[in-house]
Amino acid sequence: MKMAEQQQMERGEARPWQETMVRKSNNQEEQFNPDKIRRSIQNAGANQQLADEITQDIQGSTHSMMTTFEIDSRIQDVLRQRDQNAYQNWMRWKEQHQKMR
């Protein structure tokens, strides 16, 4: 998390993404959670810096009823370009997750 972001949290200042809802693939709505995105990217093997960059990019472009598909596509695009190993892990996880549905 960037210093400015942390200072905003400490002061209780609102951030645009705080009230953003995300539509999941099952049509349920969930509050946008940048920590969940960051953690998922790191679990795929990306380093913290890259996970932070991707998360901040997504945070900066959130909009009402953003879909998990949109978020996933953005993550895939960056991982494909910047970290092939993390990209392959991400795709493997997606494939396994879809089989469980």
PDB file of N, CA and C in Angstrom:
ATOM      1  N   MET A   1       0.849  -1.172   0.000  1.00  0.00           N
ATOM      2  CA  MET A   1       0.000   0.000   0.000  1.00  0.00           C
ATOM      3  C   MET A   1       0.892   1.230   0.000  1.00  0.00           C
ATOM      4  N   LYS A   2       0.557   2.196  -0.812  1.00  0.00           N
ATOM      5  CA  LYS A   2       1.344   3.423  -0.881  1.00  0.00           C
ATOM      6  C   LYS A   2       1.138   4.254   0.374  1.00  0.00           C
ATOM      7  N   MET A   3       2.131   5.073   0.686  1.00  0.00           N
ATOM      8  CA  MET A   3       2.085   5.916   1.877  1.00  0.00           C
ATOM      9  C   MET A   3       0.861   6.834   1.860  1.00  0.00           C
ATOM     10  N   ALA A   4       0.576   7.453   0.733  1.00  0.00           N
ATOM     11  CA  ALA A   4      -0.570   8.367   0.638  1.00  0.00           C
ATOM     12  C   ALA A   4      -1.875   7.632   0.921  1.00  0.00           C
ATOM     13  N   GLU A   5      -1.980   6.407   0.409  1.00  0.00           N
ATOM     14  CA  GLU A   5      -3.171   5.598   0.621  1.00  0.00           C
ATOM     15  C   GLU A   5      -3.329   5.261   2.100  1.00  0.00           C
ATOM     16  N   GLN A   6      -2.221   4.909   2.736  1.00  0.00           N
ATOM     17  CA  GLN A   6      -2.245   4.575   4.154  1.00  0.00           C
ATOM     18  C   GLN A   6      -2.635   5.801   4.982  1.00  0.00           C
ATOM     19  N   GLN A   7      -2.115   6.964   4.624  1.00  0.00           N
ATOM     20  CA  GLN A   7      -2.454   8.191   5.340  1.00  0.00           C
ATOM     21  C   GLN A   7      -3.937   8.517   5.185  1.00  0.00           C
ATOM     22  N   GLN A   8      -4.493   8.286   3.996  1.00  0.00           N
ATOM     23  CA  GLN A   8      -5.924   8.508   3.787  1.00  0.00           C
ATOM     24  C   GLN A   8      -6.733   7.606   4.707  1.00  0.00           C
ATOM     25  N   MET A   9      -6.328   6.351   4.817  1.00  0.00           N
ATOM     26  CA  MET A   9      -7.038   5.413   5.674  1.00  0.00           C
ATOM     27  C   MET A   9      -6.986   5.866   7.124  1.00  0.00           C
ATOM     28  N   GLU A  10      -5.808   6.300   7.573  1.00  0.00           N
ATOM     29  CA  GLU A  10      -5.640   6.732   8.952  1.00  0.00           C
ATOM     30  C   GLU A  10      -6.502   7.953   9.258  1.00  0.00           C
ATOM     31  N   ARG A  11      -6.680   8.827   8.279  1.00  0.00           N
ATOM     32  CA  ARG A  11      -7.499  10.027   8.472  1.00  0.00           C
ATOM     33  C   ARG A  11      -8.980   9.749   8.243  1.00  0.00           C
ATOM     34  N   GLY A  12      -9.289   8.542   7.802  1.00  0.00           N
ATOM     35  CA  GLY A  12     -10.685   8.188   7.563  1.00  0.00           C
ATOM     36  C   GLY A  12     -11.274   8.811   6.320  1.00  0.00           C
ATOM     37  N   GLU A  13     -10.424   9.208   5.387  1.00  0.00           N
ATOM     38  CA  GLU A  13     -10.906   9.828   4.152  1.00  0.00           C
ATOM     39  C   GLU A  13     -11.451   8.757   3.210  1.00  0.00           C
ATOM     40  N   ALA A  14     -12.514   9.095   2.539  1.00  0.00           N
ATOM     41  CA  ALA A  14     -13.122   8.161   1.593  1.00  0.00           C
ATOM     42  C   ALA A  14     -12.277   8.056   0.336  1.00  0.00           C
ATOM     43  N   ARG A  15     -12.241   6.880  -0.213  1.00  0.00           N
ATOM     44  CA  ARG A  15     -11.602   6.646  -1.496  1.00  0.00           C
ATOM     45  C   ARG A  15     -12.697   6.223  -2.465  1.00  0.00           C
ATOM     46  N   PRO A  16     -12.616   6.598  -3.737  1.00  0.00           N
ATOM     47  CA  PRO A  16     -13.705   6.336  -4.681  1.00  0.00           C
ATOM     48  C   PRO A  16     -14.129   4.869  -4.740  1.00  0.00           C
ATOM     49  N   TRP A  17     -13.197   3.957  -4.601  1.00  0.00           N
ATOM     50  CA  TRP A  17     -13.517   2.547  -4.739  1.00  0.00           C
ATOM     51  C   TRP A  17     -14.171   1.958  -3.498  1.00  0.00           C
ATOM     52  N   GLN A  18     -14.175   2.684  -2.377  1.00  0.00           N
ATOM     53  CA  GLN A  18     -14.699   2.125  -1.133  1.00  0.00           C
ATOM     54  C   GLN A  18     -16.156   1.708  -1.219  1.00  0.00           C
ATOM     55  N   GLU A  19     -16.933   2.408  -1.984  1.00  0.00           N
ATOM     56  CA  GLU A  19     -18.355   2.104  -2.066  1.00  0.00           C
ATOM     57  C   GLU A  19     -18.718   1.393  -3.365  1.00  0.00           C
ATOM     58  N   THR A  20     -17.732   0.992  -4.125  1.00  0.00           N
ATOM     59  CA  THR A  20     -17.974   0.338  -5.401  1.00  0.00           C
ATOM     60  C   THR A  20     -18.371  -1.118  -5.181  1.00  0.00           C
ATOM     61  N   MET A  21     -19.411  -1.520  -5.867  1.00  0.00           N
ATOM     62  CA  MET A  21     -19.852  -2.908  -5.813  1.00  0.00           C
ATOM     63  C   MET A  21     -19.382  -3.618  -7.080  1.00  0.00           C
ATOM     64  N   VAL A  22     -19.024  -4.878  -6.920  1.00  0.00           N
ATOM     65  CA  VAL A  22     -18.551  -5.706  -8.023  1.00  0.00           C
ATOM     66  C   VAL A  22     -19.578  -6.810  -8.244  1.00  0.00           C
ATOM     67  N   ARG A  23     -19.906  -7.063  -9.503  1.00  0.00           N
ATOM     68  CA  ARG A  23     -20.831  -8.151  -9.829  1.00  0.00           C
ATOM     69  C   ARG A  23     -20.012  -9.404 -10.132  1.00  0.00           C
ATOM     70  N   LYS A  24     -20.280 -10.444  -9.353  1.00  0.00           N
ATOM     71  CA  LYS A  24     -19.576 -11.709  -9.518  1.00  0.00           C
ATOM     72  C   LYS A  24     -20.216 -12.521 -10.641  1.00  0.00           C
ATOM     73  N   SER A  25     -19.557 -13.605 -11.045  1.00  0.00           N
ATOM     74  CA  SER A  25     -20.060 -14.416 -12.156  1.00  0.00           C
ATOM     75  C   SER A  25     -21.407 -15.067 -11.847  1.00  0.00           C
ATOM     76  N   ASN A  26     -21.729 -15.238 -10.559  1.00  0.00           N
ATOM     77  CA  ASN A  26     -23.023 -15.816 -10.182  1.00  0.00           C
ATOM     78  C   ASN A  26     -24.090 -14.732  -9.984  1.00  0.00           C
ATOM     79  N   ASN A  27     -23.783 -13.525 -10.419  1.00  0.00           N
ATOM     80  CA  ASN A  27     -24.653 -12.340 -10.339  1.00  0.00           C
ATOM     81  C   ASN A  27     -24.813 -11.763  -8.939  1.00  0.00           C
ATOM     82  N   GLN A  28     -24.116 -12.303  -7.963  1.00  0.00           N
ATOM     83  CA  GLN A  28     -24.138 -11.696  -6.636  1.00  0.00           C
ATOM     84  C   GLN A  28     -23.272 -10.450  -6.662  1.00  0.00           C
ATOM     85  N   GLU A  29     -23.590  -9.529  -5.768  1.00  0.00           N
ATOM     86  CA  GLU A  29     -22.808  -8.305  -5.651  1.00  0.00           C
ATOM     87  C   GLU A  29     -21.946  -8.381  -4.402  1.00  0.00           C
ATOM     88  N   GLU A  30     -20.754  -7.824  -4.520  1.00  0.00           N
ATOM     89  CA  GLU A  30     -19.810  -7.827  -3.408  1.00  0.00           C
ATOM     90  C   GLU A  30     -19.072  -6.494  -3.418  1.00  0.00           C
ATOM     91  N   GLN A  31     -18.751  -5.986  -2.252  1.00  0.00           N
ATOM     92  CA  GLN A  31     -18.006  -4.733  -2.182  1.00  0.00           C
ATOM     93  C   GLN A  31     -16.598  -4.949  -2.736  1.00  0.00           C
ATOM     94  N   PHE A  32     -16.132  -3.991  -3.518  1.00  0.00           N
ATOM     95  CA  PHE A  32     -14.784  -4.041  -4.075  1.00  0.00           C
ATOM     96  C   PHE A  32     -13.777  -4.133  -2.937  1.00  0.00           C
ATOM     97  N   ASN A  33     -12.854  -5.083  -3.043  1.00  0.00           N
ATOM     98  CA  ASN A  33     -11.872  -5.312  -1.994  1.00  0.00           C
ATOM     99  C   ASN A  33     -10.479  -5.412  -2.615  1.00  0.00           C
ATOM    100  N   PRO A  34      -9.708  -4.325  -2.589  1.00  0.00           N
ATOM    101  CA  PRO A  34      -8.382  -4.352  -3.206  1.00  0.00           C
ATOM    102  C   PRO A  34      -7.439  -5.351  -2.540  1.00  0.00           C
ATOM    103  N   ASP A  35      -7.612  -5.597  -1.250  1.00  0.00           N
ATOM    104  CA  ASP A  35      -6.741  -6.561  -0.572  1.00  0.00           C
ATOM    105  C   ASP A  35      -6.945  -7.969  -1.119  1.00  0.00           C
ATOM    106  N   LYS A  36      -8.165  -8.298  -1.463  1.00  0.00           N
ATOM    107  CA  LYS A  36      -8.467  -9.612  -2.041  1.00  0.00           C
ATOM    108  C   LYS A  36      -7.772  -9.767  -3.399  1.00  0.00           C
ATOM    109  N   ILE A  37      -7.786  -8.721  -4.184  1.00  0.00           N
ATOM    110  CA  ILE A  37      -7.124  -8.745  -5.492  1.00  0.00           C
ATOM    111  C   ILE A  37      -5.616  -8.886  -5.313  1.00  0.00           C
ATOM    112  N   ARG A  38      -5.047  -8.052  -4.457  1.00  0.00           N
ATOM    113  CA  ARG A  38      -3.603  -8.072  -4.205  1.00  0.00           C
ATOM    114  C   ARG A  38      -3.151  -9.465  -3.739  1.00  0.00           C
ATOM    115  N   ARG A  39      -3.890 -10.027  -2.798  1.00  0.00           N
ATOM    116  CA  ARG A  39      -3.555 -11.345  -2.246  1.00  0.00           C
ATOM    117  C   ARG A  39      -3.630 -12.426  -3.327  1.00  0.00           C
ATOM    118  N   SER A  40      -4.654 -12.377  -4.165  1.00  0.00           N
ATOM    119  CA  SER A  40      -4.809 -13.367  -5.232  1.00  0.00           C
ATOM    120  C   SER A  40      -3.657 -13.301  -6.228  1.00  0.00           C
ATOM    121  N   ILE A  41      -3.245 -12.097  -6.562  1.00  0.00           N
ATOM    122  CA  ILE A  41      -2.138 -11.922  -7.508  1.00  0.00           C
ATOM    123  C   ILE A  41      -0.845 -12.460  -6.899  1.00  0.00           C
ATOM    124  N   GLN A  42      -0.618 -12.173  -5.637  1.00  0.00           N
ATOM    125  CA  GLN A  42       0.584 -12.683  -4.972  1.00  0.00           C
ATOM    126  C   GLN A  42       0.526 -14.204  -4.840  1.00  0.00           C
ATOM    127  N   ASN A  43      -0.650 -14.753  -4.592  1.00  0.00           N
ATOM    128  CA  ASN A  43      -0.795 -16.208  -4.505  1.00  0.00           C
ATOM    129  C   ASN A  43      -0.460 -16.881  -5.829  1.00  0.00           C
ATOM    130  N   ALA A  44      -0.620 -16.151  -6.925  1.00  0.00           N
ATOM    131  CA  ALA A  44      -0.261 -16.682  -8.243  1.00  0.00           C
ATOM    132  C   ALA A  44       1.251 -16.647  -8.465  1.00  0.00           C
ATOM    133  N   GLY A  45       1.965 -15.960  -7.572  1.00  0.00           N
ATOM    134  CA  GLY A  45       3.417 -15.938  -7.673  1.00  0.00           C
ATOM    135  C   GLY A  45       4.018 -14.604  -8.045  1.00  0.00           C
ATOM    136  N   ALA A  46       3.188 -13.598  -8.264  1.00  0.00           N
ATOM    137  CA  ALA A  46       3.725 -12.268  -8.584  1.00  0.00           C
ATOM    138  C   ALA A  46       4.324 -11.651  -7.325  1.00  0.00           C
ATOM    139  N   ASN A  47       5.348 -10.837  -7.508  1.00  0.00           N
ATOM    140  CA  ASN A  47       5.942 -10.182  -6.340  1.00  0.00           C
ATOM    141  C   ASN A  47       5.018  -9.074  -5.839  1.00  0.00           C
ATOM    142  N   GLN A  48       5.303  -8.601  -4.640  1.00  0.00           N
ATOM    143  CA  GLN A  48       4.435  -7.610  -4.008  1.00  0.00           C
ATOM    144  C   GLN A  48       4.338  -6.327  -4.827  1.00  0.00           C
ATOM    145  N   GLN A  49       5.450  -5.903  -5.406  1.00  0.00           N
ATOM    146  CA  GLN A  49       5.434  -4.660  -6.184  1.00  0.00           C
ATOM    147  C   GLN A  49       4.478  -4.764  -7.374  1.00  0.00           C
ATOM    148  N   LEU A  50       4.556  -5.860  -8.103  1.00  0.00           N
ATOM    149  CA  LEU A  50       3.668  -6.039  -9.256  1.00  0.00           C
ATOM    150  C   LEU A  50       2.213  -6.171  -8.797  1.00  0.00           C
ATOM    151  N   ALA A  51       1.988  -6.912  -7.731  1.00  0.00           N
ATOM    152  CA  ALA A  51       0.631  -7.061  -7.198  1.00  0.00           C
ATOM    153  C   ALA A  51       0.064  -5.702  -6.801  1.00  0.00           C
ATOM    154  N   ASP A  52       0.894  -4.869  -6.176  1.00  0.00           N
ATOM    155  CA  ASP A  52       0.454  -3.523  -5.787  1.00  0.00           C
ATOM    156  C   ASP A  52       0.137  -2.669  -7.012  1.00  0.00           C
ATOM    157  N   GLU A  53       0.995  -2.743  -8.036  1.00  0.00           N
ATOM    158  CA  GLU A  53       0.776  -1.950  -9.251  1.00  0.00           C
ATOM    159  C   GLU A  53      -0.541  -2.326  -9.929  1.00  0.00           C
ATOM    160  N   ILE A  54      -0.784  -3.626 -10.066  1.00  0.00           N
ATOM    161  CA  ILE A  54      -2.011  -4.081 -10.721  1.00  0.00           C
ATOM    162  C   ILE A  54      -3.228  -3.662  -9.900  1.00  0.00           C
ATOM    163  N   THR A  55      -3.135  -3.859  -8.595  1.00  0.00           N
ATOM    164  CA  THR A  55      -4.249  -3.513  -7.712  1.00  0.00           C
ATOM    165  C   THR A  55      -4.556  -2.024  -7.784  1.00  0.00           C
ATOM    166  N   GLN A  56      -3.525  -1.198  -7.758  1.00  0.00           N
ATOM    167  CA  GLN A  56      -3.725   0.250  -7.822  1.00  0.00           C
ATOM    168  C   GLN A  56      -4.317   0.667  -9.163  1.00  0.00           C
ATOM    169  N   ASP A  57      -3.894   0.009 -10.230  1.00  0.00           N
ATOM    170  CA  ASP A  57      -4.456   0.303 -11.547  1.00  0.00           C
ATOM    171  C   ASP A  57      -5.953   0.003 -11.568  1.00  0.00           C
ATOM    172  N   ILE A  58      -6.322  -1.134 -11.018  1.00  0.00           N
ATOM    173  CA  ILE A  58      -7.734  -1.513 -10.988  1.00  0.00           C
ATOM    174  C   ILE A  58      -8.514  -0.564 -10.080  1.00  0.00           C
ATOM    175  N   GLN A  59      -7.953  -0.239  -8.926  1.00  0.00           N
ATOM    176  CA  GLN A  59      -8.610   0.701  -8.016  1.00  0.00           C
ATOM    177  C   GLN A  59      -8.882   2.031  -8.698  1.00  0.00           C
ATOM    178  N   GLY A  60      -7.930   2.482  -9.497  1.00  0.00           N
ATOM    179  CA  GLY A  60      -8.057   3.773 -10.157  1.00  0.00           C
ATOM    180  C   GLY A  60      -9.085   3.804 -11.263  1.00  0.00           C
ATOM    181  N   SER A  61      -9.544   2.648 -11.676  1.00  0.00           N
ATOM    182  CA  SER A  61     -10.507   2.618 -12.780  1.00  0.00           C
ATOM    183  C   SER A  61     -11.794   1.884 -12.413  1.00  0.00           C
ATOM    184  N   THR A  62     -12.062   1.771 -11.125  1.00  0.00           N
ATOM    185  CA  THR A  62     -13.304   1.108 -10.729  1.00  0.00           C
ATOM    186  C   THR A  62     -14.503   1.936 -11.166  1.00  0.00           C
ATOM    187  N   HIS A  63     -15.587   1.251 -11.401  1.00  0.00           N
ATOM    188  CA  HIS A  63     -16.837   1.912 -11.750  1.00  0.00           C
ATOM    189  C   HIS A  63     -17.987   1.092 -11.192  1.00  0.00           C
ATOM    190  N   SER A  64     -19.122   1.696 -11.128  1.00  0.00           N
ATOM    191  CA  SER A  64     -20.298   1.040 -10.573  1.00  0.00           C
ATOM    192  C   SER A  64     -20.579  -0.267 -11.307  1.00  0.00           C
ATOM    193  N   MET A  65     -20.752  -1.307 -10.550  1.00  0.00           N
ATOM    194  CA  MET A  65     -21.064  -2.645 -11.045  1.00  0.00           C
ATOM    195  C   MET A  65     -20.002  -3.221 -11.982  1.00  0.00           C
ATOM    196  N   MET A  66     -18.776  -2.921 -11.696  1.00  0.00           N
ATOM    197  CA  MET A  66     -17.659  -3.551 -12.392  1.00  0.00           C
ATOM    198  C   MET A  66     -17.808  -5.065 -12.187  1.00  0.00           C
ATOM    199  N   THR A  67     -17.446  -5.843 -13.179  1.00  0.00           N
ATOM    200  CA  THR A  67     -17.599  -7.293 -13.051  1.00  0.00           C
ATOM    201  C   THR A  67     -16.268  -7.950 -12.700  1.00  0.00           C
ATOM    202  N   THR A  68     -16.365  -9.126 -12.095  1.00  0.00           N
ATOM    203  CA  THR A  68     -15.146  -9.877 -11.799  1.00  0.00           C
ATOM    204  C   THR A  68     -14.463 -10.282 -13.102  1.00  0.00           C
ATOM    205  N   PHE A  69     -15.240 -10.439 -14.174  1.00  0.00           N
ATOM    206  CA  PHE A  69     -14.657 -10.753 -15.477  1.00  0.00           C
ATOM    207  C   PHE A  69     -13.734  -9.624 -15.936  1.00  0.00           C
ATOM    208  N   GLU A  70     -14.182  -8.375 -15.770  1.00  0.00           N
ATOM    209  CA  GLU A  70     -13.352  -7.221 -16.143  1.00  0.00           C
ATOM    210  C   GLU A  70     -12.066  -7.186 -15.321  1.00  0.00           C
ATOM    211  N   ILE A  71     -12.203  -7.405 -14.026  1.00  0.00           N
ATOM    212  CA  ILE A  71     -11.036  -7.385 -13.141  1.00  0.00           C
ATOM    213  C   ILE A  71     -10.073  -8.488 -13.539  1.00  0.00           C
ATOM    214  N   ASP A  72     -10.597  -9.689 -13.752  1.00  0.00           N
ATOM    215  CA  ASP A  72      -9.769 -10.831 -14.135  1.00  0.00           C
ATOM    216  C   ASP A  72      -9.046 -10.579 -15.457  1.00  0.00           C
ATOM    217  N   SER A  73      -9.743 -10.004 -16.419  1.00  0.00           N
ATOM    218  CA  SER A  73      -9.127  -9.722 -17.726  1.00  0.00           C
ATOM    219  C   SER A  73      -7.959  -8.755 -17.589  1.00  0.00           C
ATOM    220  N   ARG A  74      -8.120  -7.734 -16.752  1.00  0.00           N
ATOM    221  CA  ARG A  74      -7.041  -6.760 -16.551  1.00  0.00           C
ATOM    222  C   ARG A  74      -5.843  -7.422 -15.892  1.00  0.00           C
ATOM    223  N   ILE A  75      -6.107  -8.267 -14.904  1.00  0.00           N
ATOM    224  CA  ILE A  75      -5.020  -8.966 -14.215  1.00  0.00           C
ATOM    225  C   ILE A  75      -4.291  -9.865 -15.202  1.00  0.00           C
ATOM    226  N   GLN A  76      -5.038 -10.623 -15.993  1.00  0.00           N
ATOM    227  CA  GLN A  76      -4.426 -11.513 -16.982  1.00  0.00           C
ATOM    228  C   GLN A  76      -3.543 -10.749 -17.961  1.00  0.00           C
ATOM    229  N   ASP A  77      -4.035  -9.632 -18.464  1.00  0.00           N
ATOM    230  CA  ASP A  77      -3.272  -8.842 -19.435  1.00  0.00           C
ATOM    231  C   ASP A  77      -1.913  -8.428 -18.878  1.00  0.00           C
ATOM    232  N   VAL A  78      -1.917  -7.930 -17.653  1.00  0.00           N
ATOM    233  CA  VAL A  78      -0.655  -7.458 -17.066  1.00  0.00           C
ATOM    234  C   VAL A  78       0.259  -8.629 -16.744  1.00  0.00           C
ATOM    235  N   LEU A  79      -0.280  -9.686 -16.145  1.00  0.00           N
ATOM    236  CA  LEU A  79       0.567 -10.835 -15.814  1.00  0.00           C
ATOM    237  C   LEU A  79       1.168 -11.454 -17.073  1.00  0.00           C
ATOM    238  N   ARG A  80       0.379 -11.541 -18.142  1.00  0.00           N
ATOM    239  CA  ARG A  80       0.877 -12.116 -19.399  1.00  0.00           C
ATOM    240  C   ARG A  80       2.085 -11.325 -19.907  1.00  0.00           C
ATOM    241  N   GLN A  81       2.045 -10.008 -19.750  1.00  0.00           N
ATOM    242  CA  GLN A  81       3.127  -9.149 -20.231  1.00  0.00           C
ATOM    243  C   GLN A  81       4.323  -9.098 -19.285  1.00  0.00           C
ATOM    244  N   ARG A  82       4.070  -9.195 -17.981  1.00  0.00           N
ATOM    245  CA  ARG A  82       5.133  -8.886 -17.022  1.00  0.00           C
ATOM    246  C   ARG A  82       5.654 -10.068 -16.207  1.00  0.00           C
ATOM    247  N   ASP A  83       4.865 -11.154 -16.085  1.00  0.00           N
ATOM    248  CA  ASP A  83       5.303 -12.277 -15.250  1.00  0.00           C
ATOM    249  C   ASP A  83       4.635 -13.557 -15.753  1.00  0.00           C
ATOM    250  N   GLN A  84       5.305 -14.215 -16.686  1.00  0.00           N
ATOM    251  CA  GLN A  84       4.741 -15.408 -17.314  1.00  0.00           C
ATOM    252  C   GLN A  84       4.435 -16.514 -16.306  1.00  0.00           C
ATOM    253  N   ASN A  85       5.295 -16.693 -15.316  1.00  0.00           N
ATOM    254  CA  ASN A  85       5.077 -17.735 -14.318  1.00  0.00           C
ATOM    255  C   ASN A  85       3.787 -17.468 -13.534  1.00  0.00           C
ATOM    256  N   ALA A  86       3.617 -16.244 -13.068  1.00  0.00           N
ATOM    257  CA  ALA A  86       2.404 -15.883 -12.331  1.00  0.00           C
ATOM    258  C   ALA A  86       1.180 -15.995 -13.242  1.00  0.00           C
ATOM    259  N   TYR A  87       1.337 -15.620 -14.503  1.00  0.00           N
ATOM    260  CA  TYR A  87       0.233 -15.729 -15.460  1.00  0.00           C
ATOM    261  C   TYR A  87      -0.203 -17.188 -15.611  1.00  0.00           C
ATOM    262  N   GLN A  88       0.761 -18.088 -15.777  1.00  0.00           N
ATOM    263  CA  GLN A  88       0.436 -19.510 -15.927  1.00  0.00           C
ATOM    264  C   GLN A  88      -0.238 -20.055 -14.670  1.00  0.00           C
ATOM    265  N   ASN A  89       0.255 -19.654 -13.505  1.00  0.00           N
ATOM    266  CA  ASN A  89      -0.375 -20.077 -12.250  1.00  0.00           C
ATOM    267  C   ASN A  89      -1.802 -19.548 -12.152  1.00  0.00           C
ATOM    268  N   TRP A  90      -1.985 -18.286 -12.558  1.00  0.00           N
ATOM    269  CA  TRP A  90      -3.313 -17.663 -12.526  1.00  0.00           C
ATOM    270  C   TRP A  90      -4.282 -18.446 -13.409  1.00  0.00           C
ATOM    271  N   MET A  91      -3.846 -18.785 -14.616  1.00  0.00           N
ATOM    272  CA  MET A  91      -4.702 -19.500 -15.554  1.00  0.00           C
ATOM    273  C   MET A  91      -4.994 -20.920 -15.061  1.00  0.00           C
ATOM    274  N   ARG A  92      -4.010 -21.563 -14.467  1.00  0.00           N
ATOM    275  CA  ARG A  92      -4.199 -22.903 -13.907  1.00  0.00           C
ATOM    276  C   ARG A  92      -5.249 -22.872 -12.795  1.00  0.00           C
ATOM    277  N   TRP A  93      -5.141 -21.865 -11.922  1.00  0.00           N
ATOM    278  CA  TRP A  93      -6.109 -21.736 -10.836  1.00  0.00           C
ATOM    279  C   TRP A  93      -7.510 -21.512 -11.394  1.00  0.00           C
ATOM    280  N   LYS A  94      -7.628 -20.655 -12.403  1.00  0.00           N
ATOM    281  CA  LYS A  94      -8.935 -20.382 -13.018  1.00  0.00           C
ATOM    282  C   LYS A  94      -9.554 -21.653 -13.576  1.00  0.00           C
ATOM    283  N   GLU A  95      -8.735 -22.440 -14.254  1.00  0.00           N
ATOM    284  CA  GLU A  95      -9.222 -23.678 -14.854  1.00  0.00           C
ATOM    285  C   GLU A  95      -9.733 -24.632 -13.771  1.00  0.00           C
ATOM    286  N   GLN A  96      -8.980 -24.774 -12.697  1.00  0.00           N
ATOM    287  CA  GLN A  96      -9.396 -25.655 -11.603  1.00  0.00           C
ATOM    288  C   GLN A  96     -10.655 -25.125 -10.925  1.00  0.00           C
ATOM    289  N   HIS A  97     -10.730 -23.831 -10.742  1.00  0.00           N
ATOM    290  CA  HIS A  97     -11.883 -23.208 -10.092  1.00  0.00           C
ATOM    291  C   HIS A  97     -13.150 -23.410 -10.928  1.00  0.00           C
ATOM    292  N   GLN A  98     -13.022 -23.313 -12.237  1.00  0.00           N
ATOM    293  CA  GLN A  98     -14.181 -23.484 -13.113  1.00  0.00           C
ATOM    294  C   GLN A  98     -14.668 -24.928 -13.111  1.00  0.00           C
ATOM    295  N   LYS A  99     -13.761 -25.883 -12.957  1.00  0.00           N
ATOM    296  CA  LYS A  99     -14.152 -27.294 -12.897  1.00  0.00           C
ATOM    297  C   LYS A  99     -14.960 -27.588 -11.639  1.00  0.00           C
ATOM    298  N   MET A 100     -14.670 -26.860 -10.562  1.00  0.00           N
ATOM    299  CA  MET A 100     -15.356 -27.096  -9.293  1.00  0.00           C
ATOM    300  C   MET A 100     -16.772 -26.527  -9.287  1.00  0.00           C
ATOM    301  N   ARG A 101     -17.092 -25.664 -10.193  1.00  0.00           N
ATOM    302  CA  ARG A 101     -18.432 -25.041 -10.225  1.00  0.00           C
ATOM    303  C   ARG A 101     -19.479 -25.991 -10.691  1.00  0.00           C
TER     304      ARG A 101
END
